[in-house]
C-alpha atoms as a PDB file:
ATOM      1  CA  MET A   1       0.013  -0.029   0.049  1.00  0.00           C
ATOM      2  CA  MET A   2       2.789   2.406   0.942  1.00  0.00           C
ATOM      3  CA  LYS A   3       4.614   1.721  -2.333  1.00  0.00           C
ATOM      4  CA  THR A   4       1.386   2.367  -4.281  1.00  0.00           C
ATOM      5  CA  TYR A   5       0.864   5.634  -2.375  1.00  0.00           C
ATOM      6  CA  THR A   6       4.424   6.729  -3.053  1.00  0.00           C
ATOM      7  CA  ILE A   7       4.016   5.998  -6.822  1.00  0.00           C
ATOM      8  CA  PHE A   8       0.695   7.971  -6.816  1.00  0.00           C
ATOM      9  CA  LEU A   9       2.316  10.908  -4.974  1.00  0.00           C
ATOM     10  CA  PHE A  10       5.254  10.916  -7.428  1.00  0.00           C
ATOM     11  CA  PHE A  11       2.979  11.188 -10.447  1.00  0.00           C
ATOM     12  CA  LEU A  12       0.780  13.807  -8.741  1.00  0.00           C
ATOM     13  CA  LEU A  13       3.793  16.003  -8.034  1.00  0.00           C
ATOM     14  CA  ALA A  14       5.028  15.535 -11.606  1.00  0.00           C
ATOM     15  CA  LEU A  15       1.627  16.512 -12.950  1.00  0.00           C
ATOM     16  CA  LEU A  16       1.500  19.721 -10.794  1.00  0.00           C
ATOM     17  CA  SER A  17       5.006  20.533 -11.952  1.00  0.00           C
ATOM     18  CA  VAL A  18       3.830  20.354 -15.577  1.00  0.00           C
ATOM     19  CA  PHE A  19       0.984  22.767 -14.756  1.00  0.00           C
ATOM     20  CA  ARG A  20       3.309  25.151 -13.069  1.00  0.00           C
ATOM     21  CA  THR A  21       5.639  25.127 -15.988  1.00  0.00           C
ATOM     22  CA  GLY A  22       2.824  25.856 -18.386  1.00  0.00           C
ATOM     23  CA  ASP A  23       1.708  28.747 -16.298  1.00  0.00           C
ATOM     24  CA  SER A  24       5.046  30.314 -15.775  1.00  0.00           C
ATOM     25  CA  ALA A  25       6.040  33.523 -17.637  1.00  0.00           C
ATOM     26  CA  ALA A  26       8.382  33.391 -20.671  1.00  0.00           C
ATOM     27  CA  TYR A  27      10.707  35.641 -18.736  1.00  0.00           C
ATOM     28  CA  GLU A  28      10.882  35.183 -14.986  1.00  0.00           C
ATOM     29  CA  ARG A  29      13.545  37.812 -14.259  1.00  0.00           C
ATOM     30  CA  VAL A  30      13.195  41.451 -15.047  1.00  0.00           C
ATOM     31  CA  LEU A  31      15.535  44.416 -14.698  1.00  0.00           C
ATOM     32  CA  ARG A  32      13.717  47.466 -13.284  1.00  0.00           C
ATOM     33  CA  VAL A  33      15.863  50.075 -14.850  1.00  0.00           C
ATOM     34  CA  SER A  34      14.983  52.980 -12.495  1.00  0.00           C
ATOM     35  CA  ASP A  35      16.714  51.341  -9.492  1.00  0.00           C
ATOM     36  CA  SER A  36      18.723  48.545 -11.295  1.00  0.00           C
ATOM     37  CA  LYS A  37      16.954  45.932  -9.237  1.00  0.00           C
ATOM     38  CA  ILE A  38      16.163  42.405 -10.577  1.00  0.00           C
ATOM     39  CA  ILE A  39      12.474  41.698  -9.859  1.00  0.00           C
ATOM     40  CA  SER A  40      10.080  39.008 -10.817  1.00  0.00           C
ATOM     41  CA  PHE A  41       7.709  39.228 -13.753  1.00  0.00           C
ATOM     42  CA  ASN A  42       4.742  39.405 -11.344  1.00  0.00           C
ATOM     43  CA  GLN A  43       6.351  42.352  -9.491  1.00  0.00           C
ATOM     44  CA  MET A  44       6.654  44.133 -12.795  1.00  0.00           C
ATOM     45  CA  ILE A  45       2.979  43.567 -13.532  1.00  0.00           C
ATOM     46  CA  ASP A  46       2.073  45.065 -10.092  1.00  0.00           C
ATOM     47  CA  ASP A  47       4.230  48.037 -10.948  1.00  0.00           C
ATOM     48  CA  ILE A  48       2.697  48.838 -14.388  1.00  0.00           C
ATOM     49  CA  LYS A  49      -1.025  48.465 -13.686  1.00  0.00           C
ATOM     50  CA  LEU A  50      -1.633  52.176 -13.584  1.00  0.00           C
ATOM     51  CA  SER A  51       0.249  53.024 -16.740  1.00  0.00           C
ATOM     52  CA  GLY A  52      -1.962  54.409 -19.541  1.00  0.00           C
ATOM     53  CA  ILE A  53       0.170  52.908 -22.268  1.00  0.00           C
ATOM     54  CA  ILE A  54       2.489  49.843 -22.020  1.00  0.00           C
ATOM     55  CA  PHE A  55       4.869  49.126 -24.810  1.00  0.00           C
ATOM     56  CA  VAL A  56       6.091  45.482 -25.066  1.00  0.00           C
ATOM     57  CA  GLY A  57       8.758  45.460 -27.776  1.00  0.00           C
ATOM     58  CA  GLU A  58       9.551  42.595 -30.073  1.00  0.00           C
ATOM     59  CA  SER A  59      11.852  41.232 -32.690  1.00  0.00           C
ATOM     60  CA  HIS A  60       9.225  40.144 -35.147  1.00  0.00           C
ATOM     61  CA  ASP A  61      10.855  36.715 -35.708  1.00  0.00           C
ATOM     62  CA  ASN A  62      11.456  35.858 -32.081  1.00  0.00           C
ATOM     63  CA  GLU A  63       8.675  33.601 -30.705  1.00  0.00           C
ATOM     64  CA  LYS A  64       9.740  34.138 -27.087  1.00  0.00           C
ATOM     65  CA  HIS A  65       9.083  37.814 -27.443  1.00  0.00           C
ATOM     66  CA  HIS A  66       5.502  37.082 -28.465  1.00  0.00           C
ATOM     67  CA  LEU A  67       5.059  34.769 -25.523  1.00  0.00           C
ATOM     68  CA  ALA A  68       6.160  37.591 -23.308  1.00  0.00           C
ATOM     69  CA  GLN A  69       3.679  39.910 -24.873  1.00  0.00           C
ATOM     70  CA  PHE A  70       0.907  37.432 -24.199  1.00  0.00           C
ATOM     71  CA  ASP A  71       2.080  36.970 -20.644  1.00  0.00           C
ATOM     72  CA  VAL A  72       1.755  40.775 -20.053  1.00  0.00           C
ATOM     73  CA  ILE A  73      -1.718  40.945 -21.686  1.00  0.00           C
ATOM     74  CA  LYS A  74      -3.054  37.895 -19.840  1.00  0.00           C
ATOM     75  CA  SER A  75      -1.682  39.044 -16.505  1.00  0.00           C
ATOM     76  CA  LEU A  76      -3.136  42.466 -16.765  1.00  0.00           C
ATOM     77  CA  ASP A  77      -6.495  41.015 -17.934  1.00  0.00           C
ATOM     78  CA  GLU A  78      -6.501  38.681 -14.878  1.00  0.00           C
ATOM     79  CA  ALA A  79      -5.829  41.777 -12.701  1.00  0.00           C
ATOM     80  CA  ARG A  80      -8.986  43.226 -14.245  1.00  0.00           C
ATOM     81  CA  VAL A  81      -7.195  46.028 -16.043  1.00  0.00           C
ATOM     82  CA  PRO A  82      -9.430  47.195 -19.001  1.00  0.00           C
ATOM     83  CA  LEU A  83      -7.227  46.715 -21.993  1.00  0.00           C
ATOM     84  CA  ALA A  84      -6.895  47.617 -25.636  1.00  0.00           C
ATOM     85  CA  LEU A  85      -4.119  46.407 -27.961  1.00  0.00           C
ATOM     86  CA  GLY A  86      -2.296  48.824 -30.201  1.00  0.00           C
ATOM     87  CA  LEU A  87      -0.761  46.887 -33.143  1.00  0.00           C
ATOM     88  CA  GLU A  88       1.999  47.646 -35.543  1.00  0.00           C
ATOM     89  CA  MET A  89       0.892  44.550 -37.394  1.00  0.00           C
ATOM     90  CA  PHE A  90      -2.283  46.184 -38.832  1.00  0.00           C
ATOM     91  CA  ARG A  91      -2.851  49.391 -40.709  1.00  0.00           C
ATOM     92  CA  ALA A  92      -5.257  51.961 -39.359  1.00  0.00           C
ATOM     93  CA  ASP A  93      -7.472  51.486 -42.440  1.00  0.00           C
ATOM     94  CA  SER A  94      -8.177  47.884 -41.219  1.00  0.00           C
ATOM     95  CA  GLN A  95      -9.998  49.095 -38.133  1.00  0.00           C
ATOM     96  CA  LYS A  96     -13.418  48.149 -39.245  1.00  0.00           C
ATOM     97  CA  GLU A  97     -12.433  44.499 -39.739  1.00  0.00           C
ATOM     98  CA  LEU A  98     -10.583  44.498 -36.460  1.00  0.00           C
ATOM     99  CA  ASP A  99     -13.660  45.677 -34.664  1.00  0.00           C
ATOM    100  CA  LEU A 100     -15.712  42.860 -36.234  1.00  0.00           C
ATOM    101  CA  TRP A 101     -13.091  40.330 -35.103  1.00  0.00           C
ATOM    102  CA  THR A 102     -13.115  41.350 -31.522  1.00  0.00           C
ATOM    103  CA  ALA A 103     -16.878  41.505 -31.557  1.00  0.00           C
ATOM    104  CA  GLY A 104     -17.000  37.866 -32.706  1.00  0.00           C
ATOM    105  CA  LYS A 105     -18.499  38.782 -36.093  1.00  0.00           C
ATOM    106  CA  LEU A 106     -15.584  37.960 -38.408  1.00  0.00           C
ATOM    107  CA  GLU A 107     -14.804  34.363 -39.338  1.00  0.00           C
ATOM    108  CA  MET A 108     -11.284  33.001 -38.958  1.00  0.00           C
ATOM    109  CA  SER A 109     -10.730  32.638 -42.683  1.00  0.00           C
ATOM    110  CA  SER A 110     -11.599  36.340 -43.182  1.00  0.00           C
ATOM    111  CA  PHE A 111      -9.357  37.411 -40.298  1.00  0.00           C
ATOM    112  CA  LEU A 112      -6.435  35.320 -41.567  1.00  0.00           C
ATOM    113  CA  ARG A 113      -6.867  36.933 -45.033  1.00  0.00           C
ATOM    114  CA  LEU A 114      -6.768  40.418 -43.300  1.00  0.00           C
ATOM    115  CA  TYR A 115      -3.794  39.454 -41.209  1.00  0.00           C
ATOM    116  CA  TYR A 116      -1.674  38.356 -44.221  1.00  0.00           C
ATOM    117  CA  GLU A 117      -2.765  41.446 -46.161  1.00  0.00           C
ATOM    118  CA  ASN A 118      -1.261  43.546 -43.322  1.00  0.00           C
ATOM    119  CA  TRP A 119       1.714  41.507 -41.996  1.00  0.00           C
ATOM    120  CA  GLY A 120       4.244  38.987 -43.273  1.00  0.00           C
ATOM    121  CA  ALA A 121       5.193  37.109 -40.101  1.00  0.00           C
ATOM    122  CA  PRO A 122       3.791  33.612 -39.617  1.00  0.00           C
ATOM    123  CA  TRP A 123       0.310  33.619 -38.128  1.00  0.00           C
ATOM    124  CA  PRO A 124       1.222  31.074 -35.309  1.00  0.00           C
ATOM    125  CA  TRP A 125       3.516  33.609 -33.737  1.00  0.00           C
ATOM    126  CA  TYR A 126       0.549  35.970 -33.014  1.00  0.00           C
ATOM    127  CA  LYS A 127      -2.269  33.441 -32.904  1.00  0.00           C
ATOM    128  CA  THR A 128      -2.521  33.097 -29.121  1.00  0.00           C
ATOM    129  CA  ILE A 129      -2.641  36.824 -28.617  1.00  0.00           C
ATOM    130  CA  PHE A 130      -5.234  37.619 -31.231  1.00  0.00           C
ATOM    131  CA  LEU A 131      -7.518  34.689 -30.265  1.00  0.00           C
ATOM    132  CA  PHE A 132      -7.293  35.802 -26.602  1.00  0.00           C
ATOM    133  CA  ALA A 133      -8.267  39.368 -27.571  1.00  0.00           C
ATOM    134  CA  LYS A 134     -11.221  38.040 -29.435  1.00  0.00           C
ATOM    135  CA  ASP A 135     -12.325  35.717 -26.619  1.00  0.00           C
ATOM    136  CA  ARG A 136     -11.977  38.503 -24.049  1.00  0.00           C
ATOM    137  CA  GLY A 137     -13.471  41.273 -26.255  1.00  0.00           C
ATOM    138  CA  ILE A 138     -10.316  43.368 -26.030  1.00  0.00           C
ATOM    139  CA  PRO A 139     -10.247  46.069 -28.711  1.00  0.00           C
ATOM    140  CA  MET A 140      -7.471  45.661 -31.266  1.00  0.00           C
ATOM    141  CA  ILE A 141      -6.359  48.982 -32.792  1.00  0.00           C
ATOM    142  CA  GLY A 142      -4.510  49.161 -36.039  1.00  0.00           C
ATOM    143  CA  LEU A 143      -1.696  51.738 -35.962  1.00  0.00           C
ATOM    144  CA  ASN A 144       0.332  51.435 -39.113  1.00  0.00           C
ATOM    145  CA  VAL A 145       0.555  53.476 -42.317  1.00  0.00           C
ATOM    146  CA  PRO A 146      -0.335  52.118 -45.757  1.00  0.00           C
ATOM    147  CA  ASN A 147       2.417  49.909 -47.103  1.00  0.00           C
ATOM    148  CA  GLU A 148       2.939  51.963 -50.245  1.00  0.00           C
ATOM    149  CA  ILE A 149       3.542  55.127 -48.105  1.00  0.00           C
ATOM    150  CA  SER A 150       6.278  53.551 -45.967  1.00  0.00           C
ATOM    151  CA  ARG A 151       7.925  51.927 -48.991  1.00  0.00           C
ATOM    152  CA  LYS A 152       8.024  55.236 -50.937  1.00  0.00           C
ATOM    153  CA  VAL A 153       9.378  57.200 -48.014  1.00  0.00           C
ATOM    154  CA  SER A 154      12.091  54.482 -47.437  1.00  0.00           C
ATOM    155  CA  ARG A 155      12.940  54.567 -51.123  1.00  0.00           C
ATOM    156  CA  GLU A 156      12.628  58.272 -52.027  1.00  0.00           C
ATOM    157  CA  GLY A 157      12.333  60.214 -48.826  1.00  0.00           C
ATOM    158  CA  PHE A 158       9.441  62.003 -47.003  1.00  0.00           C
ATOM    159  CA  SER A 159       9.586  64.999 -49.396  1.00  0.00           C
ATOM    160  CA  SER A 160       8.595  62.668 -52.306  1.00  0.00           C
ATOM    161  CA  LEU A 161       5.067  62.222 -50.968  1.00  0.00           C
ATOM    162  CA  THR A 162       2.385  63.903 -53.033  1.00  0.00           C
ATOM    163  CA  VAL A 163      -0.521  65.909 -51.600  1.00  0.00           C
ATOM    164  CA  GLU A 164      -2.837  62.922 -52.117  1.00  0.00           C
ATOM    165  CA  GLU A 165      -0.420  60.535 -50.440  1.00  0.00           C
ATOM    166  CA  MET A 166      -0.079  62.963 -47.450  1.00  0.00           C
ATOM    167  CA  LYS A 167      -3.872  62.710 -47.033  1.00  0.00           C
ATOM    168  CA  GLN A 168      -3.410  58.995 -46.188  1.00  0.00           C
ATOM    169  CA  LEU A 169      -1.453  60.073 -43.071  1.00  0.00           C
ATOM    170  CA  PRO A 170      -2.875  61.656 -39.896  1.00  0.00           C
ATOM    171  CA  PRO A 171      -3.085  65.490 -40.015  1.00  0.00           C
ATOM    172  CA  GLY A 172       0.070  67.359 -39.165  1.00  0.00           C
ATOM    173  CA  ILE A 173       2.559  64.558 -39.690  1.00  0.00           C
ATOM    174  CA  THR A 174       6.033  65.898 -40.342  1.00  0.00           C
ATOM    175  CA  CYS A 175       9.473  64.213 -40.536  1.00  0.00           C
ATOM    176  CA  ASP A 176      11.932  66.147 -38.408  1.00  0.00           C
ATOM    177  CA  ILE A 177      14.728  63.642 -37.995  1.00  0.00           C
ATOM    178  CA  ASP A 178      18.066  64.864 -36.436  1.00  0.00           C
ATOM    179  CA  ALA A 179      21.467  63.466 -35.663  1.00  0.00           C
ATOM    180  CA  ALA A 180      20.294  62.054 -32.280  1.00  0.00           C
ATOM    181  CA  TYR A 181      17.433  60.126 -33.870  1.00  0.00           C
ATOM    182  CA  MET A 182      19.686  58.787 -36.609  1.00  0.00           C
ATOM    183  CA  ASP A 183      22.212  57.645 -34.007  1.00  0.00           C
ATOM    184  CA  PHE A 184      19.298  55.891 -32.132  1.00  0.00           C
ATOM    185  CA  ILE A 185      18.362  54.096 -35.389  1.00  0.00           C
ATOM    186  CA  ARG A 186      21.933  52.917 -35.872  1.00  0.00           C
ATOM    187  CA  ARG A 187      21.966  51.500 -32.352  1.00  0.00           C
ATOM    188  CA  VAL A 188      18.748  49.612 -32.861  1.00  0.00           C
ATOM    189  CA  HIS A 189      19.240  48.392 -36.500  1.00  0.00           C
ATOM    190  CA  GLY A 190      23.005  48.466 -36.898  1.00  0.00           C
ATOM    191  CA  ASP A 191      24.843  50.434 -39.534  1.00  0.00           C
ATOM    192  CA  ARG A 192      22.953  48.717 -42.393  1.00  0.00           C
ATOM    193  CA  PHE A 193      23.642  51.603 -44.793  1.00  0.00           C
ATOM    194  CA  GLN A 194      27.240  52.135 -44.026  1.00  0.00           C
ATOM    195  CA  ASN A 195      28.208  53.340 -47.429  1.00  0.00           C
ATOM    196  CA  ASP A 196      24.924  54.959 -48.510  1.00  0.00           C
ATOM    197  CA  ALA A 197      24.057  58.043 -46.351  1.00  0.00           C
ATOM    198  CA  ARG A 198      21.115  58.971 -48.649  1.00  0.00           C
ATOM    199  CA  SER A 199      19.412  55.622 -48.247  1.00  0.00           C
ATOM    200  CA  PHE A 200      20.049  55.544 -44.489  1.00  0.00           C
ATOM    201  CA  ARG A 201      18.396  59.027 -44.106  1.00  0.00           C
ATOM    202  CA  PHE A 202      15.359  57.854 -46.082  1.00  0.00           C
ATOM    203  CA  PHE A 203      15.130  54.735 -43.906  1.00  0.00           C
ATOM    204  CA  CYS A 204      15.190  56.955 -40.802  1.00  0.00           C
ATOM    205  CA  GLU A 205      12.440  59.070 -42.324  1.00  0.00           C
ATOM    206  CA  ALA A 206      10.311  56.073 -42.898  1.00  0.00           C
ATOM    207  CA  GLN A 207      10.836  54.984 -39.237  1.00  0.00           C
ATOM    208  CA  MET A 208       9.895  58.504 -38.039  1.00  0.00           C
ATOM    209  CA  VAL A 209       6.656  58.495 -40.184  1.00  0.00           C
ATOM    210  CA  TRP A 210       5.755  55.125 -38.585  1.00  0.00           C
ATOM    211  CA  ASP A 211       6.476  56.443 -35.090  1.00  0.00           C
ATOM    212  CA  LYS A 212       4.492  59.659 -35.485  1.00  0.00           C
ATOM    213  CA  THR A 213       1.574  57.952 -37.134  1.00  0.00           C
ATOM    214  CA  MET A 214       1.312  55.153 -34.582  1.00  0.00           C
ATOM    215  CA  ALA A 215       1.604  57.679 -31.719  1.00  0.00           C
ATOM    216  CA  TRP A 216      -1.165  59.727 -33.234  1.00  0.00           C
ATOM    217  CA  HIS A 217      -3.549  56.774 -33.464  1.00  0.00           C
ATOM    218  CA  LEU A 218      -2.705  55.689 -29.931  1.00  0.00           C
ATOM    219  CA  VAL A 219      -3.406  59.110 -28.461  1.00  0.00           C
ATOM    220  CA  GLU A 220      -6.640  59.564 -30.470  1.00  0.00           C
ATOM    221  CA  PHE A 221      -7.949  56.159 -29.214  1.00  0.00           C
ATOM    222  CA  LEU A 222      -7.184  56.948 -25.600  1.00  0.00           C
ATOM    223  CA  LYS A 223      -8.816  60.403 -25.865  1.00  0.00           C
ATOM    224  CA  LYS A 224     -12.100  58.530 -26.636  1.00  0.00           C
ATOM    225  CA  ASN A 225     -11.403  55.633 -24.247  1.00  0.00           C
ATOM    226  CA  PRO A 226      -9.584  57.170 -21.270  1.00  0.00           C
ATOM    227  CA  LEU A 227     -10.319  54.260 -18.906  1.00  0.00           C
ATOM    228  CA  ARG A 228      -8.517  51.674 -21.043  1.00  0.00           C
ATOM    229  CA  THR A 229      -4.809  50.688 -20.772  1.00  0.00           C
ATOM    230  CA  MET A 230      -3.242  50.366 -24.166  1.00  0.00           C
ATOM    231  CA  VAL A 231      -0.720  47.501 -24.571  1.00  0.00           C
ATOM    232  CA  VAL A 232       1.319  48.264 -27.633  1.00  0.00           C
ATOM    233  CA  LEU A 233       2.870  45.452 -29.696  1.00  0.00           C
ATOM    234  CA  ALA A 234       5.514  46.808 -31.950  1.00  0.00           C
ATOM    235  CA  GLY A 235       9.110  46.254 -32.962  1.00  0.00           C
ATOM    236  CA  VAL A 236      11.849  47.090 -30.557  1.00  0.00           C
ATOM    237  CA  GLY A 237      12.972  50.116 -32.644  1.00  0.00           C
ATOM    238  CA  HIS A 238       9.476  51.572 -32.434  1.00  0.00           C
ATOM    239  CA  SER A 239       8.914  50.679 -28.730  1.00  0.00           C
ATOM    240  CA  TRP A 240      12.215  52.082 -27.557  1.00  0.00           C
ATOM    241  CA  LYS A 241      11.646  55.335 -25.646  1.00  0.00           C
ATOM    242  CA  ARG A 242      13.080  57.352 -28.579  1.00  0.00           C
ATOM    243  CA  GLY A 243      10.528  55.804 -30.943  1.00  0.00           C
ATOM    244  CA  ILE A 244       6.739  56.044 -30.533  1.00  0.00           C
ATOM    245  CA  PRO A 245       6.954  56.917 -26.860  1.00  0.00           C
ATOM    246  CA  GLU A 246       8.859  60.164 -27.628  1.00  0.00           C
ATOM    247  CA  GLN A 247       6.157  61.104 -30.143  1.00  0.00           C
ATOM    248  CA  ILE A 248       3.500  60.432 -27.509  1.00  0.00           C
ATOM    249  CA  ARG A 249       5.360  62.625 -25.057  1.00  0.00           C
ATOM    250  CA  ARG A 250       5.277  65.479 -27.578  1.00  0.00           C
ATOM    251  CA  GLN A 251       1.537  65.048 -28.171  1.00  0.00           C
ATOM    252  CA  SER A 252       0.070  64.395 -24.759  1.00  0.00           C
ATOM    253  CA  ILE A 253       0.583  63.931 -21.014  1.00  0.00           C
ATOM    254  CA  LEU A 254      -0.304  60.223 -21.054  1.00  0.00           C
ATOM    255  CA  ARG A 255       1.760  58.022 -18.809  1.00  0.00           C
ATOM    256  CA  TYR A 256       3.573  55.209 -20.564  1.00  0.00           C
ATOM    257  CA  THR A 257       5.871  52.314 -19.623  1.00  0.00           C
ATOM    258  CA  VAL A 258       8.362  50.648 -21.962  1.00  0.00           C
ATOM    259  CA  ILE A 259       9.244  46.958 -21.670  1.00  0.00           C
ATOM    260  CA  LEU A 260      11.992  45.631 -23.946  1.00  0.00           C
ATOM    261  CA  PRO A 261      13.518  42.072 -24.218  1.00  0.00           C
ATOM    262  CA  GLU A 262      17.179  41.788 -23.516  1.00  0.00           C
ATOM    263  CA  MET A 263      19.034  41.807 -26.875  1.00  0.00           C
ATOM    264  CA  PRO A 264      22.787  41.261 -26.661  1.00  0.00           C
ATOM    265  CA  GLY A 265      24.704  43.953 -28.505  1.00  0.00           C
ATOM    266  CA  HIS A 266      21.686  46.295 -28.451  1.00  0.00           C
ATOM    267  CA  ILE A 267      20.172  46.492 -25.007  1.00  0.00           C
ATOM    268  CA  GLY A 268      20.872  44.595 -21.824  1.00  0.00           C
ATOM    269  CA  ILE A 269      21.460  44.575 -18.113  1.00  0.00           C
ATOM    270  CA  ASP A 270      24.761  46.564 -18.294  1.00  0.00           C
ATOM    271  CA  THR A 271      23.714  49.032 -20.996  1.00  0.00           C
ATOM    272  CA  ALA A 272      20.062  49.923 -20.440  1.00  0.00           C
ATOM    273  CA  THR A 273      19.186  53.376 -19.064  1.00  0.00           C
ATOM    274  CA  THR A 274      15.925  55.081 -18.269  1.00  0.00           C
ATOM    275  CA  ASP A 275      16.364  56.852 -21.651  1.00  0.00           C
ATOM    276  CA  ASP A 276      15.884  53.374 -23.283  1.00  0.00           C
ATOM    277  CA  ALA A 277      13.158  51.488 -21.310  1.00  0.00           C
ATOM    278  CA  ASP A 278      11.624  51.083 -17.876  1.00  0.00           C
ATOM    279  CA  TYR A 279      11.947  47.257 -17.786  1.00  0.00           C
ATOM    280  CA  ILE A 280      14.177  44.732 -19.454  1.00  0.00           C
ATOM    281  CA  LEU A 281      13.105  41.086 -19.756  1.00  0.00           C
ATOM    282  CA  LEU A 282      16.134  38.998 -18.916  1.00  0.00           C
ATOM    283  CA  ASP A 283      17.039  35.695 -20.358  1.00  0.00           C
ATOM    284  CA  GLY A 284      18.159  32.847 -18.085  1.00  0.00           C
ATOM    285  CA  LYS A 285      17.601  32.139 -14.390  1.00  0.00           C
ATOM    286  CA  ALA A 286      20.885  33.068 -12.874  1.00  0.00           C
ATOM    287  CA  PRO A 287      20.762  35.378  -9.847  1.00  0.00           C
ATOM    288  CA  GLY A 288      20.906  39.092 -10.689  1.00  0.00           C
ATOM    289  CA  ARG A 289      23.705  41.412  -9.732  1.00  0.00           C
END
């Protein structure tokens, strides 16, 4: 009997271990940049509950980054924070279909078609997030510019846009890049245009148009929905404080928090400052410094 009980207990503990593993966050250790302390993921969630906007940056092809985004969304939802999702992955002109999706009035096949019309990354990377938003009725807000606009700016510069093309952008969008912004883009993306200063400037202008446009749509949504907390899913370069957050700072007094994943060579425990982010998601389980 004792042997049977021991075997039963062993399997019960193993089963519970599986459940704990499945419920654990993708990142368990977080650097709180303001005081350089290593805290838990749950401590971070407690810290950020009152933020109006929460950026959770990603490398688009890194599945762990998407798991972390889902962890943030799910944790805040469980804490009964009323959420909305701001999405680089969808253009602003897709909003009608996004509203139908979160209202449960758009079939999966139609949503998948919409997704691939907007974004090129594999659907499975975002599937859990977007299905969760639908199931929980969380508004999904398209932030991005039309593809042809961003491509033209990247290729020919902001000044090449016609009057009609400018009408596809929010009112008042300008492109005032400076040396500091260009240095920031180099830090995020590397010196990918080392021998072509003109192409690099146009690339920076395209990034700035994205940043300003996405910031405008975020602010406009929150003006109409001030009780919601916006979780923004966007690339690290846009989520970095010098990206969309800086444009929000110029447009409003909304409080925002920036969460970035640790990225060796770009941002990490020994290089991050409060000019970059508020929290850094740390790989590994080794004790912090």
